[in-house]
Amino acid sequence: MDLTDILERFCQEIIECLIKYGDLGEDQAKKLVSDSKICETSGEKELELLLHEPPYYWAMTILHSDNPEWYRNPKLWPPPKEHLNKWYRSN
């Protein structure tokens, strides 16, 4: 699997998290990810930084952009048990 495939899968997982945990429609979730430019990496180092956190983290960061300390909310962090390590188990 090359870096482009990894990035695509990771970004799709962010979209799925926005849909499931943010209660958004697919089009709205895709637009938020696109508007955030979070999946626009320019190389391996940027990809490594993106992959350092799970897709759930990035989904919540996008969803709660008005609250940079969203992760302090125990309802939002840590990730729900059914999602915990999902990305890392699948790769």
PDB file of N, CA and C in Angstrom:
ATOM      1  N   MET A   1       0.847  -1.176   0.000  1.00  0.00           N
ATOM      2  CA  MET A   1       0.000   0.000   0.000  1.00  0.00           C
ATOM      3  C   MET A   1       0.894   1.242   0.000  1.00  0.00           C
ATOM      4  N   ASP A   2       0.632   2.163  -0.920  1.00  0.00           N
ATOM      5  CA  ASP A   2       1.461   3.365  -0.985  1.00  0.00           C
ATOM      6  C   ASP A   2       0.861   4.481  -0.121  1.00  0.00           C
ATOM      7  N   LEU A   3       1.589   5.577  -0.008  1.00  0.00           N
ATOM      8  CA  LEU A   3       1.182   6.679   0.862  1.00  0.00           C
ATOM      9  C   LEU A   3      -0.143   7.299   0.445  1.00  0.00           C
ATOM     10  N   THR A   4      -0.396   7.352  -0.844  1.00  0.00           N
ATOM     11  CA  THR A   4      -1.662   7.916  -1.336  1.00  0.00           C
ATOM     12  C   THR A   4      -2.838   7.069  -0.863  1.00  0.00           C
ATOM     13  N   ASP A   5      -2.681   5.746  -0.930  1.00  0.00           N
ATOM     14  CA  ASP A   5      -3.749   4.852  -0.463  1.00  0.00           C
ATOM     15  C   ASP A   5      -3.975   4.993   1.035  1.00  0.00           C
ATOM     16  N   ILE A   6      -2.892   5.099   1.792  1.00  0.00           N
ATOM     17  CA  ILE A   6      -2.999   5.256   3.241  1.00  0.00           C
ATOM     18  C   ILE A   6      -3.727   6.558   3.567  1.00  0.00           C
ATOM     19  N   LEU A   7      -3.344   7.640   2.903  1.00  0.00           N
ATOM     20  CA  LEU A   7      -3.983   8.935   3.135  1.00  0.00           C
ATOM     21  C   LEU A   7      -5.469   8.873   2.788  1.00  0.00           C
ATOM     22  N   GLU A   8      -5.806   8.264   1.664  1.00  0.00           N
ATOM     23  CA  GLU A   8      -7.216   8.145   1.258  1.00  0.00           C
ATOM     24  C   GLU A   8      -8.023   7.388   2.290  1.00  0.00           C
ATOM     25  N   ARG A   9      -7.500   6.265   2.754  1.00  0.00           N
ATOM     26  CA  ARG A   9      -8.204   5.455   3.754  1.00  0.00           C
ATOM     27  C   ARG A   9      -8.350   6.214   5.068  1.00  0.00           C
ATOM     28  N   PHE A  10      -7.303   6.918   5.471  1.00  0.00           N
ATOM     29  CA  PHE A  10      -7.327   7.673   6.709  1.00  0.00           C
ATOM     30  C   PHE A  10      -8.369   8.785   6.638  1.00  0.00           C
ATOM     31  N   CYS A  11      -8.384   9.500   5.539  1.00  0.00           N
ATOM     32  CA  CYS A  11      -9.346  10.593   5.363  1.00  0.00           C
ATOM     33  C   CYS A  11     -10.772  10.062   5.269  1.00  0.00           C
ATOM     34  N   GLN A  12     -10.963   8.913   4.658  1.00  0.00           N
ATOM     35  CA  GLN A  12     -12.286   8.299   4.613  1.00  0.00           C
ATOM     36  C   GLN A  12     -12.734   7.928   6.025  1.00  0.00           C
ATOM     37  N   GLU A  13     -11.814   7.488   6.851  1.00  0.00           N
ATOM     38  CA  GLU A  13     -12.146   7.155   8.239  1.00  0.00           C
ATOM     39  C   GLU A  13     -12.530   8.412   9.024  1.00  0.00           C
ATOM     40  N   ILE A  14     -11.876   9.534   8.746  1.00  0.00           N
ATOM     41  CA  ILE A  14     -12.263  10.802   9.380  1.00  0.00           C
ATOM     42  C   ILE A  14     -13.705  11.132   8.999  1.00  0.00           C
ATOM     43  N   ILE A  15     -14.034  10.984   7.731  1.00  0.00           N
ATOM     44  CA  ILE A  15     -15.395  11.243   7.250  1.00  0.00           C
ATOM     45  C   ILE A  15     -16.386  10.321   7.954  1.00  0.00           C
ATOM     46  N   GLU A  16     -16.043   9.052   8.070  1.00  0.00           N
ATOM     47  CA  GLU A  16     -16.935   8.105   8.742  1.00  0.00           C
ATOM     48  C   GLU A  16     -17.138   8.474  10.209  1.00  0.00           C
ATOM     49  N   CYS A  17     -16.097   8.961  10.867  1.00  0.00           N
ATOM     50  CA  CYS A  17     -16.225   9.400  12.263  1.00  0.00           C
ATOM     51  C   CYS A  17     -17.141  10.621  12.366  1.00  0.00           C
ATOM     52  N   LEU A  18     -17.012  11.544  11.425  1.00  0.00           N
ATOM     53  CA  LEU A  18     -17.889  12.716  11.426  1.00  0.00           C
ATOM     54  C   LEU A  18     -19.348  12.303  11.248  1.00  0.00           C
ATOM     55  N   ILE A  19     -19.573  11.318  10.396  1.00  0.00           N
ATOM     56  CA  ILE A  19     -20.932  10.836  10.165  1.00  0.00           C
ATOM     57  C   ILE A  19     -21.473  10.148  11.418  1.00  0.00           C
ATOM     58  N   LYS A  20     -20.688   9.230  11.962  1.00  0.00           N
ATOM     59  CA  LYS A  20     -21.158   8.429  13.094  1.00  0.00           C
ATOM     60  C   LYS A  20     -21.225   9.212  14.401  1.00  0.00           C
ATOM     61  N   TYR A  21     -20.148   9.917  14.733  1.00  0.00           N
ATOM     62  CA  TYR A  21     -20.065  10.570  16.039  1.00  0.00           C
ATOM     63  C   TYR A  21     -20.483  12.040  16.005  1.00  0.00           C
ATOM     64  N   GLY A  22     -20.526  12.604  14.799  1.00  0.00           N
ATOM     65  CA  GLY A  22     -20.949  13.994  14.667  1.00  0.00           C
ATOM     66  C   GLY A  22     -22.355  14.137  14.142  1.00  0.00           C
ATOM     67  N   ASP A  23     -22.968  12.990  13.814  1.00  0.00           N
ATOM     68  CA  ASP A  23     -24.341  12.962  13.329  1.00  0.00           C
ATOM     69  C   ASP A  23     -24.516  13.844  12.092  1.00  0.00           C
ATOM     70  N   LEU A  24     -23.562  13.716  11.163  1.00  0.00           N
ATOM     71  CA  LEU A  24     -23.605  14.492   9.926  1.00  0.00           C
ATOM     72  C   LEU A  24     -23.953  13.586   8.756  1.00  0.00           C
ATOM     73  N   GLY A  25     -24.444  14.185   7.692  1.00  0.00           N
ATOM     74  CA  GLY A  25     -24.631  13.461   6.447  1.00  0.00           C
ATOM     75  C   GLY A  25     -23.290  13.320   5.736  1.00  0.00           C
ATOM     76  N   GLU A  26     -23.223  12.393   4.806  1.00  0.00           N
ATOM     77  CA  GLU A  26     -21.959  12.143   4.104  1.00  0.00           C
ATOM     78  C   GLU A  26     -21.454  13.378   3.364  1.00  0.00           C
ATOM     79  N   ASP A  27     -22.326  14.057   2.645  1.00  0.00           N
ATOM     80  CA  ASP A  27     -21.899  15.242   1.897  1.00  0.00           C
ATOM     81  C   ASP A  27     -21.367  16.327   2.827  1.00  0.00           C
ATOM     82  N   GLN A  28     -22.044  16.530   3.942  1.00  0.00           N
ATOM     83  CA  GLN A  28     -21.610  17.543   4.901  1.00  0.00           C
ATOM     84  C   GLN A  28     -20.257  17.165   5.510  1.00  0.00           C
ATOM     85  N   ALA A  29     -20.093  15.889   5.840  1.00  0.00           N
ATOM     86  CA  ALA A  29     -18.825  15.429   6.412  1.00  0.00           C
ATOM     87  C   ALA A  29     -17.686  15.608   5.405  1.00  0.00           C
ATOM     88  N   LYS A  30     -17.921  15.243   4.162  1.00  0.00           N
ATOM     89  CA  LYS A  30     -16.898  15.398   3.123  1.00  0.00           C
ATOM     90  C   LYS A  30     -16.526  16.865   2.940  1.00  0.00           C
ATOM     91  N   LYS A  31     -17.513  17.729   2.978  1.00  0.00           N
ATOM     92  CA  LYS A  31     -17.245  19.161   2.819  1.00  0.00           C
ATOM     93  C   LYS A  31     -16.400  19.692   3.980  1.00  0.00           C
ATOM     94  N   LEU A  32     -16.724  19.284   5.203  1.00  0.00           N
ATOM     95  CA  LEU A  32     -15.937  19.731   6.352  1.00  0.00           C
ATOM     96  C   LEU A  32     -14.475  19.287   6.236  1.00  0.00           C
ATOM     97  N   VAL A  33     -14.263  18.052   5.828  1.00  0.00           N
ATOM     98  CA  VAL A  33     -12.895  17.555   5.670  1.00  0.00           C
ATOM     99  C   VAL A  33     -12.189  18.318   4.557  1.00  0.00           C
ATOM    100  N   SER A  34     -12.877  18.531   3.465  1.00  0.00           N
ATOM    101  CA  SER A  34     -12.291  19.278   2.350  1.00  0.00           C
ATOM    102  C   SER A  34     -11.954  20.708   2.759  1.00  0.00           C
ATOM    103  N   ASP A  35     -12.899  21.369   3.412  1.00  0.00           N
ATOM    104  CA  ASP A  35     -12.687  22.752   3.838  1.00  0.00           C
ATOM    105  C   ASP A  35     -11.556  22.872   4.858  1.00  0.00           C
ATOM    106  N   SER A  36     -11.379  21.839   5.671  1.00  0.00           N
ATOM    107  CA  SER A  36     -10.328  21.880   6.702  1.00  0.00           C
ATOM    108  C   SER A  36      -8.926  21.738   6.104  1.00  0.00           C
ATOM    109  N   LYS A  37      -8.850  21.170   4.906  1.00  0.00           N
ATOM    110  CA  LYS A  37      -7.582  20.925   4.214  1.00  0.00           C
ATOM    111  C   LYS A  37      -6.666  19.979   4.996  1.00  0.00           C
ATOM    112  N   ILE A  38      -7.235  19.273   5.949  1.00  0.00           N
ATOM    113  CA  ILE A  38      -6.444  18.380   6.795  1.00  0.00           C
ATOM    114  C   ILE A  38      -5.833  17.225   5.998  1.00  0.00           C
ATOM    115  N   CYS A  39      -6.468  16.854   4.915  1.00  0.00           N
ATOM    116  CA  CYS A  39      -5.981  15.732   4.120  1.00  0.00           C
ATOM    117  C   CYS A  39      -5.108  16.166   2.946  1.00  0.00           C
ATOM    118  N   GLU A  40      -4.725  17.417   2.938  1.00  0.00           N
ATOM    119  CA  GLU A  40      -3.839  17.923   1.891  1.00  0.00           C
ATOM    120  C   GLU A  40      -2.413  17.934   2.413  1.00  0.00           C
ATOM    121  N   THR A  41      -1.772  16.795   2.347  1.00  0.00           N
ATOM    122  CA  THR A  41      -0.392  16.699   2.820  1.00  0.00           C
ATOM    123  C   THR A  41       0.553  16.800   1.628  1.00  0.00           C
ATOM    124  N   SER A  42       1.742  17.273   1.880  1.00  0.00           N
ATOM    125  CA  SER A  42       2.696  17.446   0.780  1.00  0.00           C
ATOM    126  C   SER A  42       3.904  16.535   0.927  1.00  0.00           C
ATOM    127  N   GLY A  43       3.755  15.466   1.648  1.00  0.00           N
ATOM    128  CA  GLY A  43       4.876  14.551   1.748  1.00  0.00           C
ATOM    129  C   GLY A  43       4.771  13.616   2.932  1.00  0.00           C
ATOM    130  N   GLU A  44       5.766  12.775   3.031  1.00  0.00           N
ATOM    131  CA  GLU A  44       5.776  11.730   4.049  1.00  0.00           C
ATOM    132  C   GLU A  44       5.777  12.282   5.475  1.00  0.00           C
ATOM    133  N   LYS A  45       6.533  13.343   5.715  1.00  0.00           N
ATOM    134  CA  LYS A  45       6.587  13.920   7.070  1.00  0.00           C
ATOM    135  C   LYS A  45       5.228  14.455   7.511  1.00  0.00           C
ATOM    136  N   GLU A  46       4.534  15.168   6.627  1.00  0.00           N
ATOM    137  CA  GLU A  46       3.200  15.673   6.971  1.00  0.00           C
ATOM    138  C   GLU A  46       2.223  14.525   7.190  1.00  0.00           C
ATOM    139  N   LEU A  47       2.357  13.473   6.397  1.00  0.00           N
ATOM    140  CA  LEU A  47       1.499  12.313   6.568  1.00  0.00           C
ATOM    141  C   LEU A  47       1.762  11.657   7.924  1.00  0.00           C
ATOM    142  N   GLU A  48       3.015  11.554   8.309  1.00  0.00           N
ATOM    143  CA  GLU A  48       3.366  10.993   9.615  1.00  0.00           C
ATOM    144  C   GLU A  48       2.725  11.805  10.745  1.00  0.00           C
ATOM    145  N   LEU A  49       2.741  13.125  10.619  1.00  0.00           N
ATOM    146  CA  LEU A  49       2.121  13.975  11.641  1.00  0.00           C
ATOM    147  C   LEU A  49       0.610  13.751  11.695  1.00  0.00           C
ATOM    148  N   LEU A  50      -0.009  13.624  10.543  1.00  0.00           N
ATOM    149  CA  LEU A  50      -1.445  13.381  10.486  1.00  0.00           C
ATOM    150  C   LEU A  50      -1.787  12.035  11.124  1.00  0.00           C
ATOM    151  N   LEU A  51      -1.010  11.011  10.802  1.00  0.00           N
ATOM    152  CA  LEU A  51      -1.279   9.658  11.296  1.00  0.00           C
ATOM    153  C   LEU A  51      -0.937   9.487  12.771  1.00  0.00           C
ATOM    154  N   HIS A  52      -0.277  10.472  13.343  1.00  0.00           N
ATOM    155  CA  HIS A  52       0.108  10.398  14.751  1.00  0.00           C
ATOM    156  C   HIS A  52      -1.116  10.328  15.668  1.00  0.00           C
ATOM    157  N   GLU A  53      -2.226  10.895  15.237  1.00  0.00           N
ATOM    158  CA  GLU A  53      -3.473  10.854  15.992  1.00  0.00           C
ATOM    159  C   GLU A  53      -4.486  10.012  15.213  1.00  0.00           C
ATOM    160  N   PRO A  54      -5.415   9.376  15.902  1.00  0.00           N
ATOM    161  CA  PRO A  54      -6.419   8.558  15.203  1.00  0.00           C
ATOM    162  C   PRO A  54      -7.414   9.437  14.437  1.00  0.00           C
ATOM    163  N   PRO A  55      -8.076   8.863  13.432  1.00  0.00           N
ATOM    164  CA  PRO A  55      -9.068   9.621  12.661  1.00  0.00           C
ATOM    165  C   PRO A  55     -10.136  10.264  13.538  1.00  0.00           C
ATOM    166  N   TYR A  56     -10.531   9.604  14.615  1.00  0.00           N
ATOM    167  CA  TYR A  56     -11.526  10.171  15.524  1.00  0.00           C
ATOM    168  C   TYR A  56     -11.061  11.518  16.061  1.00  0.00           C
ATOM    169  N   TYR A  57      -9.794  11.615  16.423  1.00  0.00           N
ATOM    170  CA  TYR A  57      -9.241  12.874  16.942  1.00  0.00           C
ATOM    171  C   TYR A  57      -9.409  13.988  15.916  1.00  0.00           C
ATOM    172  N   TRP A  58      -9.056  13.718  14.672  1.00  0.00           N
ATOM    173  CA  TRP A  58      -9.152  14.745  13.633  1.00  0.00           C
ATOM    174  C   TRP A  58     -10.610  15.089  13.349  1.00  0.00           C
ATOM    175  N   ALA A  59     -11.481  14.098  13.386  1.00  0.00           N
ATOM    176  CA  ALA A  59     -12.909  14.371  13.166  1.00  0.00           C
ATOM    177  C   ALA A  59     -13.439  15.314  14.242  1.00  0.00           C
ATOM    178  N   MET A  60     -13.089  15.051  15.484  1.00  0.00           N
ATOM    179  CA  MET A  60     -13.564  15.910  16.579  1.00  0.00           C
ATOM    180  C   MET A  60     -12.907  17.291  16.519  1.00  0.00           C
ATOM    181  N   THR A  61     -11.665  17.344  16.087  1.00  0.00           N
ATOM    182  CA  THR A  61     -10.976  18.631  15.933  1.00  0.00           C
ATOM    183  C   THR A  61     -11.686  19.482  14.875  1.00  0.00           C
ATOM    184  N   ILE A  62     -12.080  18.854  13.784  1.00  0.00           N
ATOM    185  CA  ILE A  62     -12.821  19.561  12.736  1.00  0.00           C
ATOM    186  C   ILE A  62     -14.203  19.968  13.248  1.00  0.00           C
ATOM    187  N   LEU A  63     -14.889  19.032  13.870  1.00  0.00           N
ATOM    188  CA  LEU A  63     -16.251  19.265  14.328  1.00  0.00           C
ATOM    189  C   LEU A  63     -16.321  20.335  15.418  1.00  0.00           C
ATOM    190  N   HIS A  64     -15.318  20.381  16.269  1.00  0.00           N
ATOM    191  CA  HIS A  64     -15.311  21.314  17.398  1.00  0.00           C
ATOM    192  C   HIS A  64     -14.232  22.386  17.225  1.00  0.00           C
ATOM    193  N   SER A  65     -14.097  22.870  16.018  1.00  0.00           N
ATOM    194  CA  SER A  65     -13.058  23.862  15.723  1.00  0.00           C
ATOM    195  C   SER A  65     -13.223  25.150  16.525  1.00  0.00           C
ATOM    196  N   ASP A  66     -14.429  25.387  17.012  1.00  0.00           N
ATOM    197  CA  ASP A  66     -14.674  26.582  17.821  1.00  0.00           C
ATOM    198  C   ASP A  66     -14.201  26.407  19.268  1.00  0.00           C
ATOM    199  N   ASN A  67     -13.819  25.190  19.628  1.00  0.00           N
ATOM    200  CA  ASN A  67     -13.368  24.900  20.987  1.00  0.00           C
ATOM    201  C   ASN A  67     -12.066  24.101  20.931  1.00  0.00           C
ATOM    202  N   PRO A  68     -10.921  24.777  20.926  1.00  0.00           N
ATOM    203  CA  PRO A  68      -9.645  24.065  20.792  1.00  0.00           C
ATOM    204  C   PRO A  68      -9.335  23.107  21.942  1.00  0.00           C
ATOM    205  N   GLU A  69     -10.095  23.173  23.010  1.00  0.00           N
ATOM    206  CA  GLU A  69      -9.871  22.253  24.131  1.00  0.00           C
ATOM    207  C   GLU A  69     -11.001  21.220  24.238  1.00  0.00           C
ATOM    208  N   TRP A  70     -11.589  20.869  23.108  1.00  0.00           N
ATOM    209  CA  TRP A  70     -12.681  19.901  23.079  1.00  0.00           C
ATOM    210  C   TRP A  70     -12.282  18.590  23.742  1.00  0.00           C
ATOM    211  N   TYR A  71     -11.000  18.226  23.632  1.00  0.00           N
ATOM    212  CA  TYR A  71     -10.521  16.939  24.146  1.00  0.00           C
ATOM    213  C   TYR A  71     -10.586  16.853  25.675  1.00  0.00           C
ATOM    214  N   ARG A  72     -10.834  17.956  26.336  1.00  0.00           N
ATOM    215  CA  ARG A  72     -10.989  17.946  27.790  1.00  0.00           C
ATOM    216  C   ARG A  72     -12.407  17.536  28.210  1.00  0.00           C
ATOM    217  N   ASN A  73     -13.294  17.450  27.243  1.00  0.00           N
ATOM    218  CA  ASN A  73     -14.668  17.040  27.506  1.00  0.00           C
ATOM    219  C   ASN A  73     -14.708  15.503  27.585  1.00  0.00           C
ATOM    220  N   PRO A  74     -15.022  14.942  28.743  1.00  0.00           N
ATOM    221  CA  PRO A  74     -15.017  13.486  28.879  1.00  0.00           C
ATOM    222  C   PRO A  74     -16.051  12.777  27.999  1.00  0.00           C
ATOM    223  N   LYS A  75     -17.016  13.522  27.459  1.00  0.00           N
ATOM    224  CA  LYS A  75     -17.975  12.923  26.531  1.00  0.00           C
ATOM    225  C   LYS A  75     -17.363  12.736  25.138  1.00  0.00           C
ATOM    226  N   LEU A  76     -16.274  13.471  24.870  1.00  0.00           N
ATOM    227  CA  LEU A  76     -15.647  13.425  23.548  1.00  0.00           C
ATOM    228  C   LEU A  76     -14.306  12.691  23.530  1.00  0.00           C
ATOM    229  N   TRP A  77     -13.630  12.670  24.676  1.00  0.00           N
ATOM    230  CA  TRP A  77     -12.296  12.056  24.713  1.00  0.00           C
ATOM    231  C   TRP A  77     -12.111  11.320  26.003  1.00  0.00           C
ATOM    232  N   PRO A  78     -11.648  10.123  26.008  1.00  0.00           N
ATOM    233  CA  PRO A  78     -11.099   9.360  24.889  1.00  0.00           C
ATOM    234  C   PRO A  78     -12.195   8.896  23.919  1.00  0.00           C
ATOM    235  N   PRO A  79     -11.763   8.375  22.771  1.00  0.00           N
ATOM    236  CA  PRO A  79     -12.733   7.913  21.778  1.00  0.00           C
ATOM    237  C   PRO A  79     -13.646   6.838  22.350  1.00  0.00           C
ATOM    238  N   PRO A  80     -14.836   6.711  21.801  1.00  0.00           N
ATOM    239  CA  PRO A  80     -15.737   5.636  22.229  1.00  0.00           C
ATOM    240  C   PRO A  80     -15.044   4.275  22.099  1.00  0.00           C
ATOM    241  N   LYS A  81     -15.380   3.366  22.976  1.00  0.00           N
ATOM    242  CA  LYS A  81     -14.713   2.052  22.997  1.00  0.00           C
ATOM    243  C   LYS A  81     -14.787   1.325  21.656  1.00  0.00           C
ATOM    244  N   GLU A  82     -15.929   1.440  20.971  1.00  0.00           N
ATOM    245  CA  GLU A  82     -16.041   0.721  19.692  1.00  0.00           C
ATOM    246  C   GLU A  82     -15.115   1.298  18.624  1.00  0.00           C
ATOM    247  N   HIS A  83     -14.647   2.504  18.826  1.00  0.00           N
ATOM    248  CA  HIS A  83     -13.738   3.101  17.853  1.00  0.00           C
ATOM    249  C   HIS A  83     -12.273   3.004  18.282  1.00  0.00           C
ATOM    250  N   LEU A  84     -12.045   2.864  19.556  1.00  0.00           N
ATOM    251  CA  LEU A  84     -10.692   2.866  20.093  1.00  0.00           C
ATOM    252  C   LEU A  84      -9.787   1.915  19.315  1.00  0.00           C
ATOM    253  N   ASN A  85      -8.741   2.473  18.765  1.00  0.00           N
ATOM    254  CA  ASN A  85      -7.727   1.732  18.006  1.00  0.00           C
ATOM    255  C   ASN A  85      -8.241   1.079  16.725  1.00  0.00           C
ATOM    256  N   LYS A  86      -9.460   1.425  16.275  1.00  0.00           N
ATOM    257  CA  LYS A  86      -9.992   0.832  15.053  1.00  0.00           C
ATOM    258  C   LYS A  86      -9.046   1.026  13.874  1.00  0.00           C
ATOM    259  N   TRP A  87      -8.598   2.236  13.696  1.00  0.00           N
ATOM    260  CA  TRP A  87      -7.704   2.525  12.572  1.00  0.00           C
ATOM    261  C   TRP A  87      -6.429   1.701  12.657  1.00  0.00           C
ATOM    262  N   TYR A  88      -5.850   1.609  13.828  1.00  0.00           N
ATOM    263  CA  TYR A  88      -4.570   0.926  13.971  1.00  0.00           C
ATOM    264  C   TYR A  88      -4.711  -0.582  13.863  1.00  0.00           C
ATOM    265  N   ARG A  89      -5.849  -1.134  14.245  1.00  0.00           N
ATOM    266  CA  ARG A  89      -6.083  -2.582  14.086  1.00  0.00           C
ATOM    267  C   ARG A  89      -6.255  -2.953  12.633  1.00  0.00           C
ATOM    268  N   SER A  90      -6.767  -2.030  11.826  1.00  0.00           N
ATOM    269  CA  SER A  90      -7.057  -2.351  10.420  1.00  0.00           C
ATOM    270  C   SER A  90      -5.859  -2.177   9.504  1.00  0.00           C
ATOM    271  N   ASN A  91      -4.754  -1.663  10.029  1.00  0.00           N
ATOM    272  CA  ASN A  91      -3.570  -1.450   9.175  1.00  0.00           C
ATOM    273  C   ASN A  91      -2.414  -2.307   9.585  1.00  0.00           C
TER     274      ASN A  91
END
